[in-house]
Amino acid sequence: MNEDKSETTGQRTDDPMLDHACTMRIALAIARRQNELDLRLHRIEQALKLGGHAE
């Protein structure tokens, strides 16, 4: 039987496509988070320019 034991052993698979898919999911998650932070920073900057209180 040729089953993937990477989940239980913590070892990486030898499948480059699986590695690429995981890398891309991580990269997309980081990009989404960065966009959220950029938007939040922009809102704070705008509130400070207007003399309001930023949350």
C-alpha atoms as a PDB file:
ATOM      1  CA  MET A   1       0.000   0.000   0.000  1.00  0.00           C
ATOM      2  CA  ASN A   2       1.285   3.448  -0.897  1.00  0.00           C
ATOM      3  CA  GLU A   3      -0.430   5.802   1.535  1.00  0.00           C
ATOM      4  CA  ASP A   4       0.736   9.245   2.592  1.00  0.00           C
ATOM      5  CA  LYS A   5       1.836   9.268   6.207  1.00  0.00           C
ATOM      6  CA  SER A   6       2.980  12.898   6.221  1.00  0.00           C
ATOM      7  CA  GLU A   7       0.037  13.951   8.409  1.00  0.00           C
ATOM      8  CA  THR A   8       1.013  11.576  11.187  1.00  0.00           C
ATOM      9  CA  THR A   9       4.801  11.740  10.845  1.00  0.00           C
ATOM     10  CA  GLY A  10       5.117  15.449  10.118  1.00  0.00           C
ATOM     11  CA  GLN A  11       7.369  14.663   7.169  1.00  0.00           C
ATOM     12  CA  ARG A  12       7.018  16.352   3.833  1.00  0.00           C
ATOM     13  CA  THR A  13       5.752  14.453   0.842  1.00  0.00           C
ATOM     14  CA  ASP A  14       7.809  13.974  -2.279  1.00  0.00           C
ATOM     15  CA  ASP A  15       5.002  15.355  -4.427  1.00  0.00           C
ATOM     16  CA  PRO A  16       6.144  18.723  -5.848  1.00  0.00           C
ATOM     17  CA  MET A  17       2.603  19.631  -6.920  1.00  0.00           C
ATOM     18  CA  LEU A  18       1.327  19.126  -3.385  1.00  0.00           C
ATOM     19  CA  ASP A  19       4.192  21.222  -2.028  1.00  0.00           C
ATOM     20  CA  HIS A  20       3.378  23.927  -4.575  1.00  0.00           C
ATOM     21  CA  ALA A  21      -0.316  23.884  -3.669  1.00  0.00           C
ATOM     22  CA  CYS A  22       0.496  24.220   0.027  1.00  0.00           C
ATOM     23  CA  THR A  23       2.937  27.038  -0.670  1.00  0.00           C
ATOM     24  CA  MET A  24       0.350  28.868  -2.764  1.00  0.00           C
ATOM     25  CA  ARG A  25      -2.335  28.511  -0.064  1.00  0.00           C
ATOM     26  CA  ILE A  26       0.063  29.964   2.492  1.00  0.00           C
ATOM     27  CA  ALA A  27       1.072  32.802   0.149  1.00  0.00           C
ATOM     28  CA  LEU A  28      -2.572  33.660  -0.555  1.00  0.00           C
ATOM     29  CA  ALA A  29      -3.417  33.647   3.155  1.00  0.00           C
ATOM     30  CA  ILE A  30      -0.499  35.999   3.846  1.00  0.00           C
ATOM     31  CA  ALA A  31      -1.557  38.294   0.992  1.00  0.00           C
ATOM     32  CA  ARG A  32      -5.155  38.428   2.271  1.00  0.00           C
ATOM     33  CA  ARG A  33      -3.962  39.273   5.772  1.00  0.00           C
ATOM     34  CA  GLN A  34      -1.623  41.957   4.430  1.00  0.00           C
ATOM     35  CA  ASN A  35      -4.509  43.491   2.475  1.00  0.00           C
ATOM     36  CA  GLU A  36      -6.635  43.547   5.631  1.00  0.00           C
ATOM     37  CA  LEU A  37      -3.845  45.243   7.567  1.00  0.00           C
ATOM     38  CA  ASP A  38      -3.233  47.768   4.774  1.00  0.00           C
ATOM     39  CA  LEU A  39      -6.928  48.650   4.724  1.00  0.00           C
ATOM     40  CA  ARG A  40      -7.013  49.015   8.499  1.00  0.00           C
ATOM     41  CA  LEU A  41      -3.922  51.246   8.426  1.00  0.00           C
ATOM     42  CA  HIS A  42      -5.465  53.384   5.685  1.00  0.00           C
ATOM     43  CA  ARG A  43      -8.639  53.840   7.736  1.00  0.00           C
ATOM     44  CA  ILE A  44      -6.609  54.820  10.795  1.00  0.00           C
ATOM     45  CA  GLU A  45      -4.578  57.327   8.770  1.00  0.00           C
ATOM     46  CA  GLN A  46      -7.752  58.834   7.318  1.00  0.00           C
ATOM     47  CA  ALA A  47      -9.356  59.117  10.753  1.00  0.00           C
ATOM     48  CA  LEU A  48      -6.265  60.817  12.141  1.00  0.00           C
ATOM     49  CA  LYS A  49      -6.218  63.281   9.248  1.00  0.00           C
ATOM     50  CA  LEU A  50      -9.835  64.140   9.963  1.00  0.00           C
ATOM     51  CA  GLY A  51      -9.106  64.560  13.649  1.00  0.00           C
ATOM     52  CA  GLY A  52     -11.385  61.703  14.592  1.00  0.00           C
ATOM     53  CA  HIS A  53     -10.739  58.698  16.726  1.00  0.00           C
ATOM     54  CA  ALA A  54      -9.551  55.558  15.010  1.00  0.00           C
ATOM     55  CA  GLU A  55     -10.519  52.141  16.259  1.00  0.00           C
END
